[in-house]
Amino acid sequence: QMSVAKGRQVGIIIVAEYYEQVMRWVIEDRESLSCLFGKEKDLGSIVKVESGLSDSHHGGKEGLTIYFANGSQILLKPRSMENEQFYQKLLDWIGERTGTDQYFYPILSGKDHSWCQIVEYKPCNSEAELHQYYQRLGEQLFLAYLLGTNDIHFENLIACGSPKL
């Protein structure tokens, strides 16, 4: 029974240290975050932090949604998102050649953490938008297949209507 209590204490310490690190990242990245996600307005203070959005990795660290006083909501990932940025560049290259407009979301990537826009589910509002959606999805799946991506499942695919919304 002592080991269970000790394990909980260790878990609480790990979470507390992670949240302390998150606060340091917010302070370090505040100016860049304001430019990219706050429309160059000050984000204001943190009003809410939401966890439980993803599996935890790297010693209990997990993705968090950070809510700011100015209304901005930013997803924090405790890892680099350079692969996602590269994927978006390749997808843009394909779109230029096929005439397809893809949806791209802003990413601020560091070596040990990243920030990105939260992509919300949005419906297609016409048959034409539905046709464009499936064309975009086909290009994304082609690129994922070409790159050997193996993390394509319902939680990682978000239908976001028309990219021009």
C-alpha atoms as a PDB file:
ATOM      1  CA  GLN A   1       0.000   0.000   0.000  1.00  0.00           C
ATOM      2  CA  MET A   2       2.942   2.310   0.617  1.00  0.00           C
ATOM      3  CA  SER A   3       4.128   1.826  -2.977  1.00  0.00           C
ATOM      4  CA  VAL A   4       0.740   2.961  -4.339  1.00  0.00           C
ATOM      5  CA  ALA A   5       0.900   6.186  -2.318  1.00  0.00           C
ATOM      6  CA  LYS A   6       4.526   6.719  -3.363  1.00  0.00           C
ATOM      7  CA  GLY A   7       3.557   6.146  -7.000  1.00  0.00           C
ATOM      8  CA  ARG A   8       0.797   8.761  -6.757  1.00  0.00           C
ATOM      9  CA  GLN A   9       3.236  11.260  -5.248  1.00  0.00           C
ATOM     10  CA  VAL A  10       5.675  10.664  -8.091  1.00  0.00           C
ATOM     11  CA  GLY A  11       2.843  11.070 -10.626  1.00  0.00           C
ATOM     12  CA  ILE A  12       1.743  14.359  -9.051  1.00  0.00           C
ATOM     13  CA  ILE A  13       5.317  15.653  -9.115  1.00  0.00           C
ATOM     14  CA  ILE A  14       5.696  14.728 -12.800  1.00  0.00           C
ATOM     15  CA  VAL A  15       2.453  16.521 -13.721  1.00  0.00           C
ATOM     16  CA  ALA A  16       3.370  19.586 -11.645  1.00  0.00           C
ATOM     17  CA  GLU A  17       6.797  19.774 -13.319  1.00  0.00           C
ATOM     18  CA  TYR A  18       5.189  19.473 -16.750  1.00  0.00           C
ATOM     19  CA  TYR A  19       2.727  22.298 -16.042  1.00  0.00           C
ATOM     20  CA  GLU A  20       5.612  24.428 -14.754  1.00  0.00           C
ATOM     21  CA  GLN A  21       7.421  23.760 -18.044  1.00  0.00           C
ATOM     22  CA  VAL A  22       4.259  24.696 -19.970  1.00  0.00           C
ATOM     23  CA  MET A  23       4.187  28.066 -18.184  1.00  0.00           C
ATOM     24  CA  ARG A  24       7.852  28.650 -19.125  1.00  0.00           C
ATOM     25  CA  TRP A  25       7.028  27.841 -22.776  1.00  0.00           C
ATOM     26  CA  VAL A  26       4.096  30.282 -22.736  1.00  0.00           C
ATOM     27  CA  ILE A  27       6.360  33.024 -21.387  1.00  0.00           C
ATOM     28  CA  GLU A  28       9.194  32.249 -23.841  1.00  0.00           C
ATOM     29  CA  ASP A  29       6.889  32.010 -26.881  1.00  0.00           C
ATOM     30  CA  ARG A  30       4.344  34.706 -25.969  1.00  0.00           C
ATOM     31  CA  GLU A  31       5.347  37.218 -28.667  1.00  0.00           C
ATOM     32  CA  SER A  32       5.384  34.607 -31.444  1.00  0.00           C
ATOM     33  CA  LEU A  33       2.102  33.143 -30.193  1.00  0.00           C
ATOM     34  CA  SER A  34       0.464  36.583 -30.240  1.00  0.00           C
ATOM     35  CA  CYS A  35       1.610  37.183 -33.822  1.00  0.00           C
ATOM     36  CA  LEU A  36       0.556  33.772 -35.134  1.00  0.00           C
ATOM     37  CA  PHE A  37      -2.593  33.031 -33.130  1.00  0.00           C
ATOM     38  CA  GLY A  38      -3.672  36.287 -31.492  1.00  0.00           C
ATOM     39  CA  LYS A  39      -3.840  38.428 -34.630  1.00  0.00           C
ATOM     40  CA  GLU A  40      -0.950  40.433 -33.143  1.00  0.00           C
ATOM     41  CA  LYS A  41      -3.029  41.294 -30.084  1.00  0.00           C
ATOM     42  CA  ASP A  42      -1.832  40.371 -26.641  1.00  0.00           C
ATOM     43  CA  LEU A  43      -3.189  36.981 -25.680  1.00  0.00           C
ATOM     44  CA  GLY A  44      -3.781  38.078 -22.110  1.00  0.00           C
ATOM     45  CA  SER A  45      -3.618  35.683 -19.225  1.00  0.00           C
ATOM     46  CA  ILE A  46      -4.324  31.973 -19.342  1.00  0.00           C
ATOM     47  CA  VAL A  47      -7.927  31.390 -18.299  1.00  0.00           C
ATOM     48  CA  LYS A  48      -8.151  27.619 -18.732  1.00  0.00           C
ATOM     49  CA  VAL A  49      -6.008  24.581 -19.522  1.00  0.00           C
ATOM     50  CA  GLU A  50      -7.657  21.451 -20.865  1.00  0.00           C
ATOM     51  CA  SER A  51      -5.922  18.076 -20.805  1.00  0.00           C
ATOM     52  CA  GLY A  52      -6.890  14.548 -21.752  1.00  0.00           C
ATOM     53  CA  LEU A  53      -6.766  15.317 -25.470  1.00  0.00           C
ATOM     54  CA  SER A  54      -4.188  12.732 -26.446  1.00  0.00           C
ATOM     55  CA  ASP A  55      -2.121   9.880 -25.165  1.00  0.00           C
ATOM     56  CA  SER A  56       0.638  10.975 -22.844  1.00  0.00           C
ATOM     57  CA  HIS A  57       4.200  10.608 -24.060  1.00  0.00           C
ATOM     58  CA  HIS A  58       7.697  11.433 -22.881  1.00  0.00           C
ATOM     59  CA  GLY A  59       7.234  10.947 -19.153  1.00  0.00           C
ATOM     60  CA  GLY A  60       3.549  11.776 -18.807  1.00  0.00           C
ATOM     61  CA  LYS A  61       3.467  14.843 -21.054  1.00  0.00           C
ATOM     62  CA  GLU A  62       0.359  15.246 -23.168  1.00  0.00           C
ATOM     63  CA  GLY A  63      -1.232  17.675 -25.575  1.00  0.00           C
ATOM     64  CA  LEU A  64      -3.045  20.558 -23.901  1.00  0.00           C
ATOM     65  CA  THR A  65      -5.474  23.193 -25.080  1.00  0.00           C
ATOM     66  CA  ILE A  66      -4.542  26.568 -23.626  1.00  0.00           C
ATOM     67  CA  TYR A  67      -7.352  29.149 -23.466  1.00  0.00           C
ATOM     68  CA  PHE A  68      -6.330  32.810 -23.278  1.00  0.00           C
ATOM     69  CA  ALA A  69      -8.233  35.883 -22.077  1.00  0.00           C
ATOM     70  CA  ASN A  70      -8.470  37.348 -25.610  1.00  0.00           C
ATOM     71  CA  GLY A  71     -10.463  34.278 -26.735  1.00  0.00           C
ATOM     72  CA  SER A  72      -7.598  32.451 -28.460  1.00  0.00           C
ATOM     73  CA  GLN A  73      -7.400  28.690 -28.016  1.00  0.00           C
ATOM     74  CA  ILE A  74      -4.073  27.101 -28.893  1.00  0.00           C
ATOM     75  CA  LEU A  75      -3.069  23.452 -28.875  1.00  0.00           C
ATOM     76  CA  LEU A  76       0.272  22.688 -27.216  1.00  0.00           C
ATOM     77  CA  LYS A  77       2.060  19.493 -28.184  1.00  0.00           C
ATOM     78  CA  PRO A  78       5.095  18.360 -26.139  1.00  0.00           C
ATOM     79  CA  ARG A  79       7.107  17.544 -29.250  1.00  0.00           C
ATOM     80  CA  SER A  80       8.372  19.071 -32.464  1.00  0.00           C
ATOM     81  CA  MET A  81       5.863  19.439 -35.310  1.00  0.00           C
ATOM     82  CA  GLU A  82       8.498  19.785 -38.034  1.00  0.00           C
ATOM     83  CA  ASN A  83       7.099  16.666 -39.735  1.00  0.00           C
ATOM     84  CA  GLU A  84       3.636  18.265 -39.912  1.00  0.00           C
ATOM     85  CA  GLN A  85       5.131  21.451 -41.369  1.00  0.00           C
ATOM     86  CA  PHE A  86       6.996  19.433 -43.994  1.00  0.00           C
ATOM     87  CA  TYR A  87       3.813  17.474 -44.760  1.00  0.00           C
ATOM     88  CA  GLN A  88       1.921  20.738 -45.290  1.00  0.00           C
ATOM     89  CA  LYS A  89       4.634  21.995 -47.670  1.00  0.00           C
ATOM     90  CA  LEU A  90       4.451  18.785 -49.711  1.00  0.00           C
ATOM     91  CA  LEU A  91       0.656  18.957 -49.743  1.00  0.00           C
ATOM     92  CA  ASP A  92       0.837  22.564 -50.943  1.00  0.00           C
ATOM     93  CA  TRP A  93       3.210  21.467 -53.718  1.00  0.00           C
ATOM     94  CA  ILE A  94       0.719  18.793 -54.808  1.00  0.00           C
ATOM     95  CA  GLY A  95      -2.166  21.273 -54.598  1.00  0.00           C
ATOM     96  CA  GLU A  96      -0.351  23.731 -56.854  1.00  0.00           C
ATOM     97  CA  ARG A  97      -0.108  21.036 -59.515  1.00  0.00           C
ATOM     98  CA  THR A  98      -3.663  19.736 -59.171  1.00  0.00           C
ATOM     99  CA  GLY A  99      -5.408  23.060 -58.590  1.00  0.00           C
ATOM    100  CA  THR A 100      -6.636  21.921 -55.185  1.00  0.00           C
ATOM    101  CA  ASP A 101      -6.834  24.259 -52.205  1.00  0.00           C
ATOM    102  CA  GLN A 102      -5.889  22.410 -49.045  1.00  0.00           C
ATOM    103  CA  TYR A 103      -6.628  23.572 -45.510  1.00  0.00           C
ATOM    104  CA  PHE A 104      -3.458  24.601 -43.700  1.00  0.00           C
ATOM    105  CA  TYR A 105      -3.315  25.492 -40.033  1.00  0.00           C
ATOM    106  CA  PRO A 106      -0.615  27.604 -38.414  1.00  0.00           C
ATOM    107  CA  ILE A 107       2.132  25.803 -36.521  1.00  0.00           C
ATOM    108  CA  LEU A 108       4.873  27.213 -34.302  1.00  0.00           C
ATOM    109  CA  SER A 109       7.329  24.353 -33.882  1.00  0.00           C
ATOM    110  CA  GLY A 110      10.215  24.109 -31.456  1.00  0.00           C
ATOM    111  CA  LYS A 111      12.540  21.210 -30.819  1.00  0.00           C
ATOM    112  CA  ASP A 112      10.730  19.992 -27.694  1.00  0.00           C
ATOM    113  CA  HIS A 113       7.277  21.560 -27.974  1.00  0.00           C
ATOM    114  CA  SER A 114       4.955  23.074 -30.551  1.00  0.00           C
ATOM    115  CA  TRP A 115       1.848  25.177 -30.803  1.00  0.00           C
ATOM    116  CA  CYS A 116      -0.848  24.849 -33.433  1.00  0.00           C
ATOM    117  CA  GLN A 117      -4.310  26.040 -34.265  1.00  0.00           C
ATOM    118  CA  ILE A 118      -7.151  23.812 -33.198  1.00  0.00           C
ATOM    119  CA  VAL A 119      -8.807  22.413 -36.310  1.00  0.00           C
ATOM    120  CA  GLU A 120     -12.549  22.221 -35.853  1.00  0.00           C
ATOM    121  CA  TYR A 121     -14.942  19.865 -37.559  1.00  0.00           C
ATOM    122  CA  LYS A 122     -16.992  21.794 -40.151  1.00  0.00           C
ATOM    123  CA  PRO A 123     -19.524  20.389 -42.601  1.00  0.00           C
ATOM    124  CA  CYS A 124     -19.520  20.753 -46.347  1.00  0.00           C
ATOM    125  CA  ASN A 125     -22.425  22.991 -47.348  1.00  0.00           C
ATOM    126  CA  SER A 126     -22.925  21.906 -50.946  1.00  0.00           C
ATOM    127  CA  GLU A 127     -22.324  19.022 -53.290  1.00  0.00           C
ATOM    128  CA  ALA A 128     -19.441  20.963 -54.866  1.00  0.00           C
ATOM    129  CA  GLU A 129     -17.758  21.356 -51.446  1.00  0.00           C
ATOM    130  CA  LEU A 130     -18.259  17.643 -50.810  1.00  0.00           C
ATOM    131  CA  HIS A 131     -16.588  16.809 -54.135  1.00  0.00           C
ATOM    132  CA  GLN A 132     -13.662  19.126 -53.253  1.00  0.00           C
ATOM    133  CA  TYR A 133     -13.416  17.533 -49.816  1.00  0.00           C
ATOM    134  CA  TYR A 134     -12.957  14.060 -51.279  1.00  0.00           C
ATOM    135  CA  GLN A 135     -10.393  15.337 -53.785  1.00  0.00           C
ATOM    136  CA  ARG A 136      -8.406  16.972 -50.949  1.00  0.00           C
ATOM    137  CA  LEU A 137      -8.744  13.836 -48.812  1.00  0.00           C
ATOM    138  CA  GLY A 138      -7.505  11.684 -51.694  1.00  0.00           C
ATOM    139  CA  GLU A 139      -4.416  13.860 -52.090  1.00  0.00           C
ATOM    140  CA  GLN A 140      -3.759  13.728 -48.346  1.00  0.00           C
ATOM    141  CA  LEU A 141      -4.122   9.943 -48.234  1.00  0.00           C
ATOM    142  CA  PHE A 142      -1.845   9.603 -51.282  1.00  0.00           C
ATOM    143  CA  LEU A 143       0.827  11.670 -49.565  1.00  0.00           C
ATOM    144  CA  ALA A 144       0.405   9.769 -46.287  1.00  0.00           C
ATOM    145  CA  TYR A 145       0.800   6.479 -48.184  1.00  0.00           C
ATOM    146  CA  LEU A 146       3.823   7.795 -50.097  1.00  0.00           C
ATOM    147  CA  LEU A 147       5.524   8.831 -46.851  1.00  0.00           C
ATOM    148  CA  GLY A 148       4.659   5.590 -45.040  1.00  0.00           C
ATOM    149  CA  THR A 149       2.484   7.336 -42.477  1.00  0.00           C
ATOM    150  CA  ASN A 150       0.864   4.823 -40.136  1.00  0.00           C
ATOM    151  CA  ASP A 151      -1.083   7.034 -37.737  1.00  0.00           C
ATOM    152  CA  ILE A 152      -4.121   7.683 -39.934  1.00  0.00           C
ATOM    153  CA  HIS A 153      -7.237   6.939 -37.920  1.00  0.00           C
ATOM    154  CA  PHE A 154     -10.489   8.695 -37.040  1.00  0.00           C
ATOM    155  CA  GLU A 155      -8.975  10.751 -34.224  1.00  0.00           C
ATOM    156  CA  ASN A 156      -6.272  12.147 -36.518  1.00  0.00           C
ATOM    157  CA  LEU A 157      -8.491  13.011 -39.492  1.00  0.00           C
ATOM    158  CA  ILE A 158     -10.711  16.053 -39.123  1.00  0.00           C
ATOM    159  CA  ALA A 159     -13.224  16.961 -41.818  1.00  0.00           C
ATOM    160  CA  CYS A 160     -13.065  20.746 -41.973  1.00  0.00           C
ATOM    161  CA  GLY A 161     -15.485  21.657 -44.781  1.00  0.00           C
ATOM    162  CA  SER A 162     -14.178  24.095 -47.359  1.00  0.00           C
ATOM    163  CA  PRO A 163     -10.603  25.379 -46.876  1.00  0.00           C
ATOM    164  CA  LYS A 164     -11.790  28.900 -47.736  1.00  0.00           C
ATOM    165  CA  LEU A 165     -14.219  29.145 -44.799  1.00  0.00           C
END
